[in-house]
Amino acid sequence: MTPAYEPRIDRVETAEDGGVLAVQWSDGSRSRYHALWLRDNALDAATRDPVGGQRLITVLDLDPDIRIAGASVTPAGAEVAFQPGGHRTTFAPAWLYTHRYDAHNRQGWGAPAPWVQVWSSGLADMLPAIDYGTARADKRALADWLAAVRRYGFATMRGVRAEPGAIAEVVTLFGFVRETNYGRIFDVRSQVNAANLAYTSLPLPVHTDNPYRNPVPTLQLLHCLATDAEGGDSILVDGFHAAQVLRAEAATDFELLTRYSAPFAYRGAGDVHLETASPVIRLSPEGELAGIRFNSRSAGPLMVPFDVMRAYYGAYRRFAAVLERAVLRVRFRMAPGDLFIVDNERVLHGRTGFDGFGSRHLQGCYADRDGLYSTLAVIEAELGRAAA
């Protein structure tokens, strides 16, 4: 991502006998980069394919004892010369600043990525939203909407044609529909002998979708076509915020839900049998919050060690109770033409029950987060700035 501030290099100097480049930034901060890392990540045409940006060298082409022979600040950035080999290249300030690993901007064990903003019920007063026509016509507005999905894990859209299949047109704004056993697009409305509780008028506790898949669909969209039933309000919970609440109140419970995998399974009408296992709260190897997978309807028998089972159930129940807290929930009612998108590895969604005598018809589909992030990055590059 493009840094929020426009970085400028005040000066550069070498350290550790040329093994390290130190950069002094105009904001007063300082970053260090190893010579080996710099050579590996050079962006010049001798190192990277100028069309696709892929490396033309491998790690075995690098001298493990490579050093910086000289460095200076130029209008284009930090110019660096290496030895042996005499390779010379320039690193743009924005690129170097974005890729600072010396003073890494991680926020600690159990925290989300720096660009993530956790939220609670107060976000109901300022739901990130856009009109479909605006999204199609205004790249800046679309970029801000996509950036909201990246920041909050969800966003809403108005003015989508309340017609079957229109949801797929929204996905083309940033990516591709991911087809599953439910089809390319699926209908969410009451059915007789429904194979999934989502297709009834019963209330749905908040959950993430398709936890029994590996990989899980990372984005879900729901589009309202008709609703005149009493009830059926949508409910959203920021799973990352809930996980932080759990960690603050019961660190041992948080650790149990990150250490052990929970099984999930789904058996359809005889032709589908899906199952996998994943921690309810998933951390990256660096300890950063990476995903939530929670769905009581699709949970399989827990298989944690005997001595851990009682404590694990306690942690599981505590997290489920946190997710039920009204202060963490955003609740809203969809009208025909409304749509919302959620990061299915972060934001849990559910609904209140609705009157079975009324009509409530939603269509849904899945997509992948990498397509949305890719589209956002391309638009940001075209606009020459980071989206708000």
Protein backbone atom coordinates (compact mmCIF):
# COMPACT_ATOMS: atom_id res chain seq x y z
CA MET A 1 0.00 0.00 0.00
CA THR A 2 1.09 3.58 -0.58
CA PRO A 3 2.18 5.22 2.69
CA ALA A 4 -0.11 7.94 4.08
CA TYR A 5 2.66 10.51 4.20
CA GLU A 6 4.89 11.38 1.25
CA PRO A 7 8.28 10.09 2.42
CA ARG A 8 11.48 11.98 1.70
CA ILE A 9 15.01 10.79 2.37
CA ASP A 10 17.22 13.22 4.26
CA ARG A 11 20.39 11.13 4.07
CA VAL A 12 21.76 7.60 3.72
CA GLU A 13 24.83 5.95 5.18
CA THR A 14 26.33 2.48 5.30
CA ALA A 15 26.94 0.47 8.47
CA GLU A 16 28.36 -2.88 9.55
CA ASP A 17 31.16 -2.75 7.00
CA GLY A 18 28.75 -2.17 4.11
CA GLY A 19 26.35 -4.90 5.17
CA VAL A 20 23.59 -2.44 6.03
CA LEU A 21 22.09 0.74 4.52
CA ALA A 22 20.70 3.23 7.05
CA VAL A 23 18.09 5.74 5.82
CA GLN A 24 17.19 8.90 7.71
CA TRP A 25 13.64 10.05 6.82
CA SER A 26 12.25 13.56 6.77
CA ASP A 27 9.73 12.65 9.50
CA GLY A 28 12.62 11.96 11.86
CA SER A 29 12.42 8.17 11.72
CA ARG A 30 15.27 5.90 10.69
CA SER A 31 15.26 2.57 8.86
CA ARG A 32 17.93 -0.04 8.19
CA TYR A 33 18.12 -2.49 5.28
CA HIS A 34 20.52 -5.38 4.77
CA ALA A 35 22.60 -5.29 1.61
CA LEU A 36 21.50 -8.83 0.70
CA TRP A 37 17.83 -7.84 1.05
CA LEU A 38 18.31 -4.73 -1.06
CA ARG A 39 20.01 -6.62 -3.88
CA ASP A 40 17.33 -9.30 -3.83
CA ASN A 41 14.58 -6.68 -4.05
CA ALA A 42 16.10 -4.36 -6.65
CA LEU A 43 13.48 -3.16 -9.13
CA ASP A 44 15.72 -2.47 -12.14
CA ALA A 45 15.38 -4.22 -15.50
CA ALA A 46 18.36 -6.48 -14.79
CA THR A 47 16.61 -7.87 -11.71
CA ARG A 48 12.91 -7.69 -12.56
CA ASP A 49 10.97 -8.32 -15.73
CA PRO A 50 9.85 -4.84 -16.83
CA VAL A 51 6.41 -6.11 -17.93
CA GLY A 52 5.28 -8.50 -15.19
CA GLY A 53 7.63 -7.42 -12.43
CA GLN A 54 8.77 -10.98 -11.70
CA ARG A 55 12.30 -11.66 -10.52
CA LEU A 56 14.92 -12.58 -13.10
CA ILE A 57 17.27 -13.83 -10.39
CA THR A 58 16.97 -16.48 -7.67
CA VAL A 59 18.32 -16.50 -4.14
CA LEU A 60 21.16 -18.76 -5.36
CA ASP A 61 22.32 -15.99 -7.70
CA LEU A 62 23.00 -13.74 -4.73
CA ASP A 63 26.37 -13.60 -3.03
CA PRO A 64 25.59 -14.15 0.69
CA ASP A 65 28.46 -11.79 1.57
CA ILE A 66 27.36 -8.96 -0.75
CA ARG A 67 28.16 -5.46 0.52
CA ILE A 68 27.22 -1.88 -0.29
CA ALA A 69 30.11 -0.18 -2.03
CA GLY A 70 28.47 3.24 -1.99
CA ALA A 71 25.12 5.00 -1.49
CA SER A 72 23.77 8.47 -2.12
CA VAL A 73 20.51 10.41 -2.25
CA THR A 74 19.31 11.44 -5.72
CA PRO A 75 16.07 13.05 -6.91
CA ALA A 76 14.81 9.53 -7.69
CA GLY A 77 15.62 8.10 -4.27
CA ALA A 78 18.47 6.13 -2.72
CA GLU A 79 21.09 5.04 -5.26
CA VAL A 80 23.04 2.00 -4.12
CA ALA A 81 26.12 0.29 -5.59
CA PHE A 82 26.95 -3.29 -4.60
CA GLN A 83 30.11 -5.34 -4.48
CA PRO A 84 31.12 -7.79 -5.72
CA GLY A 85 29.59 -7.44 -9.18
CA GLY A 86 29.30 -3.67 -9.31
CA HIS A 87 25.50 -3.71 -9.67
CA ARG A 88 23.94 -0.26 -9.22
CA THR A 89 20.26 0.49 -8.67
CA THR A 90 17.93 3.13 -7.21
CA PHE A 91 15.16 2.63 -4.65
CA ALA A 92 12.22 5.07 -4.68
CA PRO A 93 11.52 6.65 -1.26
CA ALA A 94 7.88 5.48 -1.17
CA TRP A 95 8.90 1.90 -1.90
CA LEU A 96 11.61 1.87 0.77
CA TYR A 97 9.31 3.49 3.33
CA THR A 98 6.50 1.03 2.68
CA HIS A 99 8.85 -1.93 3.07
CA ARG A 100 10.52 -0.90 6.32
CA TYR A 101 11.14 -4.10 8.22
CA ASP A 102 13.52 -2.59 10.75
CA ALA A 103 10.81 -0.65 12.59
CA HIS A 104 8.03 -2.96 11.51
CA ASN A 105 4.58 -1.52 12.04
CA ARG A 106 3.01 -4.64 13.50
CA GLN A 107 0.90 -3.90 16.55
CA GLY A 108 1.79 -6.88 18.72
CA TRP A 109 0.59 -10.40 19.37
CA GLY A 110 -3.12 -10.80 18.72
CA ALA A 111 -3.53 -7.41 17.05
CA PRO A 112 -4.78 -6.91 13.46
CA ALA A 113 -2.79 -5.51 10.56
CA PRO A 114 -2.06 -1.76 10.74
CA TRP A 115 -4.57 -0.89 8.01
CA VAL A 116 -7.43 -2.65 9.84
CA GLN A 117 -9.81 -0.53 11.92
CA VAL A 118 -11.90 -2.50 14.38
CA TRP A 119 -15.41 -1.31 15.12
CA SER A 120 -18.46 -1.84 17.29
CA SER A 121 -22.12 -0.81 17.31
CA GLY A 122 -21.27 2.88 16.84
CA LEU A 123 -20.41 2.23 13.21
CA ALA A 124 -24.16 1.84 12.55
CA ASP A 125 -24.36 5.64 12.41
CA MET A 126 -21.77 5.86 9.62
CA LEU A 127 -21.99 2.71 7.55
CA PRO A 128 -19.49 2.85 4.66
CA ALA A 129 -21.79 3.09 1.65
CA ILE A 130 -21.90 3.99 -2.03
CA ASP A 131 -24.49 4.18 -4.78
CA TYR A 132 -24.05 1.58 -7.51
CA GLY A 133 -24.18 4.19 -10.27
CA THR A 134 -21.48 6.23 -8.55
CA ALA A 135 -19.30 3.15 -8.13
CA ARG A 136 -19.48 2.50 -11.86
CA ALA A 137 -18.83 6.09 -12.92
CA ASP A 138 -16.34 7.44 -10.35
CA LYS A 139 -13.03 5.62 -9.79
CA ARG A 140 -12.18 7.71 -6.77
CA ALA A 141 -15.46 6.88 -5.09
CA LEU A 142 -15.06 3.20 -5.98
CA ALA A 143 -11.53 3.18 -4.56
CA ASP A 144 -12.78 4.68 -1.30
CA TRP A 145 -15.51 2.01 -1.10
CA LEU A 146 -13.03 -0.81 -1.75
CA ALA A 147 -10.68 0.72 0.81
CA ALA A 148 -13.56 0.66 3.32
CA VAL A 149 -13.89 -3.09 2.76
CA ARG A 150 -10.16 -3.44 3.44
CA ARG A 151 -10.35 -1.23 6.55
CA TYR A 152 -13.65 -2.30 8.14
CA GLY A 153 -14.18 -5.72 6.58
CA PHE A 154 -17.53 -4.67 5.13
CA ALA A 155 -19.35 -1.98 3.19
CA THR A 156 -22.84 -1.37 1.82
CA MET A 157 -24.17 -0.37 -1.57
CA ARG A 158 -27.46 1.16 -2.64
CA GLY A 159 -29.24 1.39 -5.96
CA VAL A 160 -28.41 -2.07 -7.31
CA ARG A 161 -31.13 -3.29 -9.67
CA ALA A 162 -33.50 -5.43 -7.60
CA GLU A 163 -33.39 -8.16 -10.23
CA PRO A 164 -31.99 -11.70 -10.16
CA GLY A 165 -28.33 -11.82 -11.18
CA ALA A 166 -27.58 -8.14 -10.60
CA ILE A 167 -25.26 -9.08 -7.73
CA ALA A 168 -22.78 -10.56 -10.23
CA GLU A 169 -22.52 -7.18 -11.95
CA VAL A 170 -21.34 -5.66 -8.67
CA VAL A 171 -18.58 -8.26 -8.40
CA THR A 172 -17.26 -7.28 -11.85
CA LEU A 173 -16.35 -3.89 -10.34
CA PHE A 174 -13.44 -5.57 -8.52
CA GLY A 175 -13.11 -9.26 -9.36
CA PHE A 176 -14.84 -12.52 -10.19
CA VAL A 177 -17.61 -14.63 -8.70
CA ARG A 178 -16.38 -17.75 -6.95
CA GLU A 179 -18.71 -20.63 -7.78
CA THR A 180 -19.46 -23.29 -5.15
CA ASN A 181 -21.87 -26.21 -4.75
CA TYR A 182 -24.53 -23.58 -4.00
CA GLY A 183 -24.09 -22.28 -7.54
CA ARG A 184 -22.62 -19.13 -8.99
CA ILE A 185 -25.41 -17.15 -7.33
CA PHE A 186 -27.65 -18.54 -4.59
CA ASP A 187 -31.07 -17.49 -3.32
CA VAL A 188 -31.68 -16.86 0.37
CA ARG A 189 -35.38 -17.32 1.09
CA SER A 190 -37.63 -19.77 2.89
CA GLN A 191 -37.81 -23.24 1.34
CA VAL A 192 -39.65 -26.43 2.23
CA ASN A 193 -37.24 -29.10 3.59
CA ALA A 194 -34.36 -26.65 3.33
CA ALA A 195 -30.88 -28.24 3.27
CA ASN A 196 -29.43 -25.17 4.99
CA LEU A 197 -30.92 -23.19 7.89
CA ALA A 198 -30.21 -19.98 5.96
CA TYR A 199 -33.11 -20.99 3.69
CA THR A 200 -35.66 -20.83 6.51
CA SER A 201 -37.31 -17.95 8.37
CA LEU A 202 -35.49 -18.84 11.59
CA PRO A 203 -33.06 -16.38 13.17
CA LEU A 204 -29.43 -17.01 12.29
CA PRO A 205 -26.73 -16.47 14.92
CA VAL A 206 -23.75 -14.52 13.62
CA HIS A 207 -21.31 -16.72 11.74
CA THR A 208 -18.77 -16.86 8.97
CA ASP A 209 -19.83 -18.71 5.82
CA ASN A 210 -18.55 -22.01 4.48
CA PRO A 211 -16.11 -22.77 7.34
CA TYR A 212 -15.96 -26.34 6.03
CA ARG A 213 -14.06 -25.24 2.90
CA ASN A 214 -10.32 -24.97 2.40
CA PRO A 215 -9.75 -22.34 1.18
CA VAL A 216 -12.79 -20.56 2.51
CA PRO A 217 -14.42 -17.90 0.29
CA THR A 218 -12.92 -14.65 1.53
CA LEU A 219 -15.72 -12.31 0.44
CA GLN A 220 -19.49 -12.71 0.59
CA LEU A 221 -22.08 -10.42 -0.95
CA LEU A 222 -25.81 -10.34 -0.17
CA HIS A 223 -28.31 -8.37 -2.29
CA CYS A 224 -31.90 -7.67 -1.33
CA LEU A 225 -34.47 -8.28 -4.08
CA ALA A 226 -37.66 -8.13 -2.00
CA THR A 227 -38.68 -7.82 1.63
CA ASP A 228 -42.09 -7.19 3.14
CA ALA A 229 -41.83 -9.61 6.06
CA GLU A 230 -41.65 -8.47 9.66
CA GLY A 231 -38.11 -8.97 10.94
CA GLY A 232 -35.13 -10.26 9.02
CA ASP A 233 -32.77 -7.46 10.08
CA SER A 234 -29.12 -8.01 9.19
CA ILE A 235 -26.57 -8.23 12.00
CA LEU A 236 -22.81 -7.79 11.63
CA VAL A 237 -20.00 -8.24 14.18
CA ASP A 238 -16.33 -7.41 13.73
CA GLY A 239 -14.70 -10.73 14.63
CA PHE A 240 -11.31 -9.07 15.04
CA HIS A 241 -12.72 -6.69 17.63
CA ALA A 242 -14.44 -9.56 19.43
CA ALA A 243 -11.15 -11.48 19.46
CA GLN A 244 -9.38 -8.48 20.99
CA VAL A 245 -12.08 -8.23 23.66
CA LEU A 246 -11.60 -11.93 24.46
CA ARG A 247 -7.83 -11.52 24.66
CA ALA A 248 -8.18 -8.54 27.03
CA GLU A 249 -10.66 -10.33 29.30
CA ALA A 250 -9.37 -13.91 29.13
CA ALA A 251 -5.97 -14.28 27.50
CA THR A 252 -5.84 -18.02 28.21
CA ASP A 253 -9.14 -18.56 26.39
CA PHE A 254 -7.88 -16.51 23.45
CA GLU A 255 -4.72 -18.62 23.32
CA LEU A 256 -6.71 -21.89 23.35
CA LEU A 257 -8.84 -20.80 20.38
CA THR A 258 -5.68 -19.91 18.43
CA ARG A 259 -3.71 -23.06 19.34
CA TYR A 260 -6.19 -25.83 18.55
CA SER A 261 -8.18 -26.43 15.37
CA ALA A 262 -11.95 -26.80 15.37
CA PRO A 263 -13.54 -29.16 12.82
CA PHE A 264 -16.29 -28.05 10.44
CA ALA A 265 -18.40 -30.18 8.11
CA TYR A 266 -21.31 -29.90 5.69
CA ARG A 267 -23.24 -32.70 4.03
CA GLY A 268 -25.64 -31.57 1.34
CA ALA A 269 -28.42 -33.51 -0.32
CA GLY A 270 -26.33 -36.64 -0.83
CA ASP A 271 -23.90 -35.18 -3.35
CA VAL A 272 -21.80 -32.86 -1.16
CA HIS A 273 -19.51 -33.74 1.72
CA LEU A 274 -17.19 -30.94 2.78
CA GLU A 275 -15.01 -30.86 5.87
CA THR A 276 -11.88 -29.18 7.17
CA ALA A 277 -10.42 -27.92 10.42
CA SER A 278 -9.08 -24.52 11.42
CA PRO A 279 -8.56 -22.49 14.58
CA VAL A 280 -11.57 -20.37 15.49
CA ILE A 281 -9.14 -17.46 15.79
CA ARG A 282 -6.25 -17.73 13.35
CA LEU A 283 -2.99 -15.86 13.80
CA SER A 284 -0.19 -15.35 11.32
CA PRO A 285 3.23 -16.78 12.22
CA GLU A 286 4.09 -13.28 13.50
CA GLY A 287 1.10 -13.31 15.85
CA GLU A 288 -1.09 -10.97 13.84
CA LEU A 289 -4.86 -11.56 13.69
CA ALA A 290 -5.41 -13.30 10.35
CA GLY A 291 -8.87 -14.85 10.36
CA ILE A 292 -12.01 -15.85 12.24
CA ARG A 293 -13.86 -19.08 11.49
CA PHE A 294 -17.01 -19.45 13.58
CA ASN A 295 -20.20 -21.27 12.66
CA SER A 296 -22.05 -23.30 15.29
CA ARG A 297 -24.36 -24.86 12.70
CA SER A 298 -21.46 -26.44 10.84
CA ALA A 299 -19.17 -27.28 13.76
CA GLY A 300 -18.03 -30.90 14.02
CA PRO A 301 -17.10 -32.87 17.16
CA LEU A 302 -14.13 -31.22 18.87
CA MET A 303 -10.98 -33.34 18.90
CA VAL A 304 -8.68 -31.42 21.25
CA PRO A 305 -6.65 -33.37 23.85
CA PHE A 306 -8.64 -34.85 26.74
CA ASP A 307 -6.92 -32.67 29.34
CA VAL A 308 -7.77 -29.55 27.33
CA MET A 309 -11.40 -30.31 26.34
CA ARG A 310 -13.13 -28.76 29.35
CA ALA A 311 -11.04 -25.57 29.16
CA TYR A 312 -11.50 -25.37 25.38
CA TYR A 313 -15.29 -25.53 25.74
CA GLY A 314 -15.05 -22.73 28.29
CA ALA A 315 -13.08 -20.60 25.82
CA TYR A 316 -15.47 -21.46 22.99
CA ARG A 317 -18.49 -20.46 25.09
CA ARG A 318 -16.85 -17.26 26.24
CA PHE A 319 -16.08 -16.18 22.67
CA ALA A 320 -19.64 -17.05 21.58
CA ALA A 321 -20.94 -14.88 24.43
CA VAL A 322 -18.70 -11.98 23.41
CA LEU A 323 -20.11 -12.19 19.87
CA GLU A 324 -23.63 -11.80 21.33
CA ARG A 325 -22.87 -8.48 23.03
CA ALA A 326 -25.07 -5.70 21.70
CA VAL A 327 -22.23 -3.18 21.99
CA LEU A 328 -20.28 -5.06 19.30
CA ARG A 329 -23.18 -5.44 16.87
CA VAL A 330 -24.32 -3.38 13.92
CA ARG A 331 -27.95 -4.05 12.99
CA PHE A 332 -29.75 -2.69 9.94
CA ARG A 333 -32.63 -3.51 7.64
CA MET A 334 -32.07 -3.99 3.94
CA ALA A 335 -34.45 -2.55 1.34
CA PRO A 336 -34.80 -3.80 -2.24
CA GLY A 337 -31.70 -2.73 -4.17
CA ASP A 338 -29.45 -2.71 -1.08
CA LEU A 339 -26.34 -4.87 -0.92
CA PHE A 340 -23.60 -5.50 1.57
CA ILE A 341 -20.20 -7.15 1.26
CA VAL A 342 -18.24 -8.73 4.11
CA ASP A 343 -14.74 -10.06 4.57
CA ASN A 344 -15.72 -13.65 5.36
CA GLU A 345 -12.53 -14.26 7.35
CA ARG A 346 -13.22 -11.35 9.67
CA VAL A 347 -16.81 -10.08 9.84
CA LEU A 348 -19.56 -12.39 11.09
CA HIS A 349 -23.08 -11.90 9.80
CA GLY A 350 -26.49 -13.10 10.89
CA ARG A 351 -30.12 -12.04 10.95
CA THR A 352 -33.14 -11.82 13.15
CA GLY A 353 -36.00 -14.20 12.46
CA PHE A 354 -38.77 -13.05 10.16
CA ASP A 355 -42.47 -13.64 9.64
CA GLY A 356 -42.90 -16.74 7.51
CA PHE A 357 -46.03 -15.23 5.98
CA GLY A 358 -44.12 -12.31 4.47
CA SER A 359 -41.67 -12.25 1.57
CA ARG A 360 -37.92 -11.92 2.01
CA HIS A 361 -35.70 -12.70 -0.96
CA LEU A 362 -31.96 -12.12 -1.03
CA GLN A 363 -29.38 -13.31 -3.51
CA GLY A 364 -25.82 -14.03 -2.50
CA CYS A 365 -22.51 -14.94 -4.04
CA TYR A 366 -18.88 -15.34 -3.08
CA ALA A 367 -15.76 -13.66 -4.38
CA ASP A 368 -12.11 -13.45 -3.41
CA ARG A 369 -10.39 -10.72 -1.44
CA ASP A 370 -7.24 -10.76 -3.56
CA GLY A 371 -9.21 -9.54 -6.57
CA LEU A 372 -10.65 -6.64 -4.57
CA TYR A 373 -7.23 -5.69 -3.18
CA SER A 374 -5.71 -5.94 -6.66
CA THR A 375 -8.34 -3.64 -8.16
CA LEU A 376 -7.87 -1.18 -5.31
CA ALA A 377 -4.09 -1.14 -5.80
CA VAL A 378 -4.46 -0.53 -9.54
CA ILE A 379 -6.89 2.36 -9.04
CA GLU A 380 -4.71 3.88 -6.32
CA ALA A 381 -1.74 3.75 -8.67
CA GLU A 382 -3.78 5.42 -11.42
CA LEU A 383 -4.92 8.15 -9.04
CA GLY A 384 -1.44 8.55 -7.60
CA ARG A 385 -2.61 8.31 -4.00
CA ALA A 386 -3.93 5.96 -1.37
CA ALA A 387 -7.70 5.71 -1.10
CA ALA A 388 -9.28 7.28 1.97
